[in-house]
Amino acid sequence: MWFKVLIALNILLIIVSLASGLFFLSKDSSEKTRVVKSLTVRVVLSVSLILLLIIGYYTGAIQPNAVM
């Protein structure tokens, strides 16, 4: 169960990073590096999410649905 919570937390952090990037892009015109930093954080979080999903699948912590 803790593994699913970790995945959900990672998705939530990705959404927060996306919102902050949108805010910096639309409102902050003084310093452009904040948008790049927000994008970098989002990419790192997305890669970590993919790695968590792969590790969870191979360890058996998460299982795909058997929909036919």
N, C-alpha and C. Protein backbone atom coordinates (compact mmCIF):
# COMPACT_ATOMS: atom_id res chain seq x y z
N MET A 1 0.83 -1.19 0.00
CA MET A 1 0.00 0.00 0.00
C MET A 1 0.87 1.26 0.00
N TRP A 2 1.99 1.23 0.71
CA TRP A 2 2.85 2.42 0.78
C TRP A 2 3.42 2.76 -0.58
N PHE A 3 3.57 1.75 -1.43
CA PHE A 3 4.11 1.99 -2.76
C PHE A 3 3.12 2.79 -3.61
N LYS A 4 1.84 2.48 -3.48
CA LYS A 4 0.81 3.22 -4.21
C LYS A 4 0.71 4.66 -3.71
N VAL A 5 0.90 4.85 -2.42
CA VAL A 5 0.90 6.20 -1.85
C VAL A 5 2.08 7.00 -2.40
N LEU A 6 3.22 6.35 -2.52
CA LEU A 6 4.41 7.01 -3.07
C LEU A 6 4.18 7.42 -4.53
N ILE A 7 3.51 6.58 -5.28
CA ILE A 7 3.20 6.90 -6.69
C ILE A 7 2.21 8.06 -6.75
N ALA A 8 1.18 8.03 -5.92
CA ALA A 8 0.20 9.12 -5.90
C ALA A 8 0.84 10.44 -5.48
N LEU A 9 1.75 10.40 -4.52
CA LEU A 9 2.45 11.60 -4.09
C LEU A 9 3.32 12.16 -5.23
N ASN A 10 3.96 11.27 -5.97
CA ASN A 10 4.78 11.69 -7.10
C ASN A 10 3.92 12.36 -8.17
N ILE A 11 2.75 11.81 -8.45
CA ILE A 11 1.84 12.42 -9.43
C ILE A 11 1.38 13.79 -8.94
N LEU A 12 1.09 13.91 -7.65
CA LEU A 12 0.68 15.20 -7.10
C LEU A 12 1.79 16.24 -7.22
N LEU A 13 3.02 15.83 -6.97
CA LEU A 13 4.15 16.75 -7.11
C LEU A 13 4.36 17.17 -8.57
N ILE A 14 4.10 16.28 -9.50
CA ILE A 14 4.19 16.63 -10.92
C ILE A 14 3.15 17.69 -11.27
N ILE A 15 1.95 17.55 -10.76
CA ILE A 15 0.89 18.53 -11.02
C ILE A 15 1.23 19.88 -10.40
N VAL A 16 1.78 19.88 -9.19
CA VAL A 16 2.19 21.13 -8.55
C VAL A 16 3.31 21.81 -9.35
N SER A 17 4.25 21.02 -9.84
CA SER A 17 5.33 21.58 -10.65
C SER A 17 4.80 22.15 -11.96
N LEU A 18 3.83 21.48 -12.54
CA LEU A 18 3.20 21.99 -13.77
C LEU A 18 2.49 23.31 -13.51
N ALA A 19 1.78 23.40 -12.39
CA ALA A 19 1.08 24.65 -12.06
C ALA A 19 2.05 25.78 -11.77
N SER A 20 3.14 25.48 -11.08
CA SER A 20 4.11 26.55 -10.80
C SER A 20 4.80 27.01 -12.09
N GLY A 21 5.07 26.10 -13.00
CA GLY A 21 5.64 26.48 -14.29
C GLY A 21 4.71 27.38 -15.08
N LEU A 22 3.42 27.06 -15.04
CA LEU A 22 2.43 27.90 -15.72
C LEU A 22 2.36 29.28 -15.09
N PHE A 23 2.43 29.33 -13.78
CA PHE A 23 2.41 30.61 -13.08
C PHE A 23 3.63 31.44 -13.44
N PHE A 24 4.80 30.83 -13.39
CA PHE A 24 6.03 31.57 -13.71
C PHE A 24 6.04 32.02 -15.17
N LEU A 25 5.48 31.21 -16.05
CA LEU A 25 5.46 31.57 -17.47
C LEU A 25 4.53 32.75 -17.74
N SER A 26 3.39 32.80 -17.03
CA SER A 26 2.42 33.85 -17.32
C SER A 26 2.63 35.12 -16.51
N LYS A 27 3.10 35.02 -15.27
CA LYS A 27 3.16 36.20 -14.40
C LYS A 27 4.56 36.75 -14.18
N ASP A 28 5.56 35.90 -14.19
CA ASP A 28 6.90 36.34 -13.83
C ASP A 28 7.70 36.66 -15.09
N SER A 29 7.96 37.93 -15.31
CA SER A 29 8.70 38.31 -16.51
C SER A 29 10.13 38.76 -16.19
N SER A 30 10.46 38.86 -14.92
CA SER A 30 11.77 39.38 -14.56
C SER A 30 12.87 38.33 -14.68
N GLU A 31 12.58 37.10 -14.28
CA GLU A 31 13.61 36.08 -14.27
C GLU A 31 13.09 34.84 -15.01
N LYS A 32 13.69 34.54 -16.15
CA LYS A 32 13.21 33.44 -17.00
C LYS A 32 13.71 32.08 -16.54
N THR A 33 14.69 32.03 -15.66
CA THR A 33 15.24 30.73 -15.27
C THR A 33 14.30 29.94 -14.37
N ARG A 34 13.33 30.60 -13.78
CA ARG A 34 12.38 29.90 -12.91
C ARG A 34 11.52 28.93 -13.71
N VAL A 35 11.18 29.29 -14.93
CA VAL A 35 10.39 28.40 -15.79
C VAL A 35 11.22 27.18 -16.15
N VAL A 36 12.47 27.38 -16.46
CA VAL A 36 13.35 26.27 -16.82
C VAL A 36 13.56 25.35 -15.62
N LYS A 37 13.72 25.90 -14.44
CA LYS A 37 13.88 25.08 -13.24
C LYS A 37 12.62 24.26 -12.97
N SER A 38 11.46 24.88 -13.17
CA SER A 38 10.21 24.16 -12.97
C SER A 38 10.06 23.02 -13.98
N LEU A 39 10.46 23.26 -15.21
CA LEU A 39 10.41 22.21 -16.22
C LEU A 39 11.39 21.09 -15.88
N THR A 40 12.56 21.43 -15.39
CA THR A 40 13.54 20.43 -15.00
C THR A 40 13.02 19.56 -13.86
N VAL A 41 12.40 20.18 -12.88
CA VAL A 41 11.84 19.43 -11.76
C VAL A 41 10.74 18.50 -12.26
N ARG A 42 9.90 18.98 -13.16
CA ARG A 42 8.82 18.14 -13.68
C ARG A 42 9.35 16.96 -14.47
N VAL A 43 10.39 17.16 -15.25
CA VAL A 43 10.98 16.06 -16.02
C VAL A 43 11.60 15.03 -15.08
N VAL A 44 12.29 15.48 -14.06
CA VAL A 44 12.91 14.55 -13.10
C VAL A 44 11.83 13.77 -12.36
N LEU A 45 10.75 14.43 -11.96
CA LEU A 45 9.66 13.74 -11.28
C LEU A 45 8.98 12.74 -12.21
N SER A 46 8.83 13.07 -13.48
CA SER A 46 8.22 12.15 -14.43
C SER A 46 9.08 10.92 -14.66
N VAL A 47 10.38 11.11 -14.75
CA VAL A 47 11.28 9.97 -14.90
C VAL A 47 11.25 9.09 -13.65
N SER A 48 11.21 9.72 -12.49
CA SER A 48 11.14 8.94 -11.25
C SER A 48 9.81 8.19 -11.16
N LEU A 49 8.73 8.76 -11.67
CA LEU A 49 7.44 8.06 -11.69
C LEU A 49 7.51 6.83 -12.58
N ILE A 50 8.10 6.97 -13.74
CA ILE A 50 8.24 5.82 -14.65
C ILE A 50 9.09 4.73 -14.00
N LEU A 51 10.18 5.13 -13.36
CA LEU A 51 11.01 4.14 -12.67
C LEU A 51 10.27 3.47 -11.52
N LEU A 52 9.48 4.23 -10.77
CA LEU A 52 8.68 3.65 -9.70
C LEU A 52 7.67 2.64 -10.24
N LEU A 53 7.05 2.96 -11.36
CA LEU A 53 6.09 2.03 -11.95
C LEU A 53 6.76 0.75 -12.43
N ILE A 54 7.93 0.89 -13.02
CA ILE A 54 8.66 -0.30 -13.48
C ILE A 54 9.10 -1.15 -12.30
N ILE A 55 9.65 -0.52 -11.27
CA ILE A 55 10.09 -1.26 -10.08
C ILE A 55 8.90 -1.92 -9.39
N GLY A 56 7.81 -1.20 -9.29
CA GLY A 56 6.61 -1.76 -8.66
C GLY A 56 6.04 -2.94 -9.41
N TYR A 57 6.10 -2.90 -10.73
CA TYR A 57 5.62 -4.02 -11.53
C TYR A 57 6.50 -5.24 -11.36
N TYR A 58 7.81 -5.05 -11.42
CA TYR A 58 8.72 -6.20 -11.33
C TYR A 58 8.82 -6.78 -9.93
N THR A 59 8.59 -5.98 -8.89
CA THR A 59 8.62 -6.51 -7.53
C THR A 59 7.26 -7.06 -7.10
N GLY A 60 6.23 -6.79 -7.86
CA GLY A 60 4.90 -7.28 -7.53
C GLY A 60 4.10 -6.36 -6.61
N ALA A 61 4.60 -5.18 -6.37
CA ALA A 61 3.89 -4.23 -5.50
C ALA A 61 2.64 -3.69 -6.18
N ILE A 62 2.68 -3.57 -7.49
CA ILE A 62 1.50 -3.18 -8.27
C ILE A 62 1.30 -4.20 -9.37
N GLN A 63 0.05 -4.40 -9.77
CA GLN A 63 -0.25 -5.35 -10.82
C GLN A 63 -1.20 -4.70 -11.82
N PRO A 64 -1.02 -5.01 -13.10
CA PRO A 64 -1.92 -4.44 -14.09
C PRO A 64 -3.29 -5.09 -14.01
N ASN A 65 -4.31 -4.38 -14.50
CA ASN A 65 -5.66 -4.93 -14.53
C ASN A 65 -5.77 -5.93 -15.66
N ALA A 66 -6.49 -7.00 -15.43
CA ALA A 66 -6.70 -8.02 -16.45
C ALA A 66 -8.06 -7.79 -17.11
N VAL A 67 -8.14 -6.79 -17.95
CA VAL A 67 -9.39 -6.46 -18.63
C VAL A 67 -9.37 -7.10 -20.01
N MET A 68 -10.41 -7.87 -20.28
CA MET A 68 -10.49 -8.53 -21.61
C MET A 68 -11.73 -8.09 -22.34
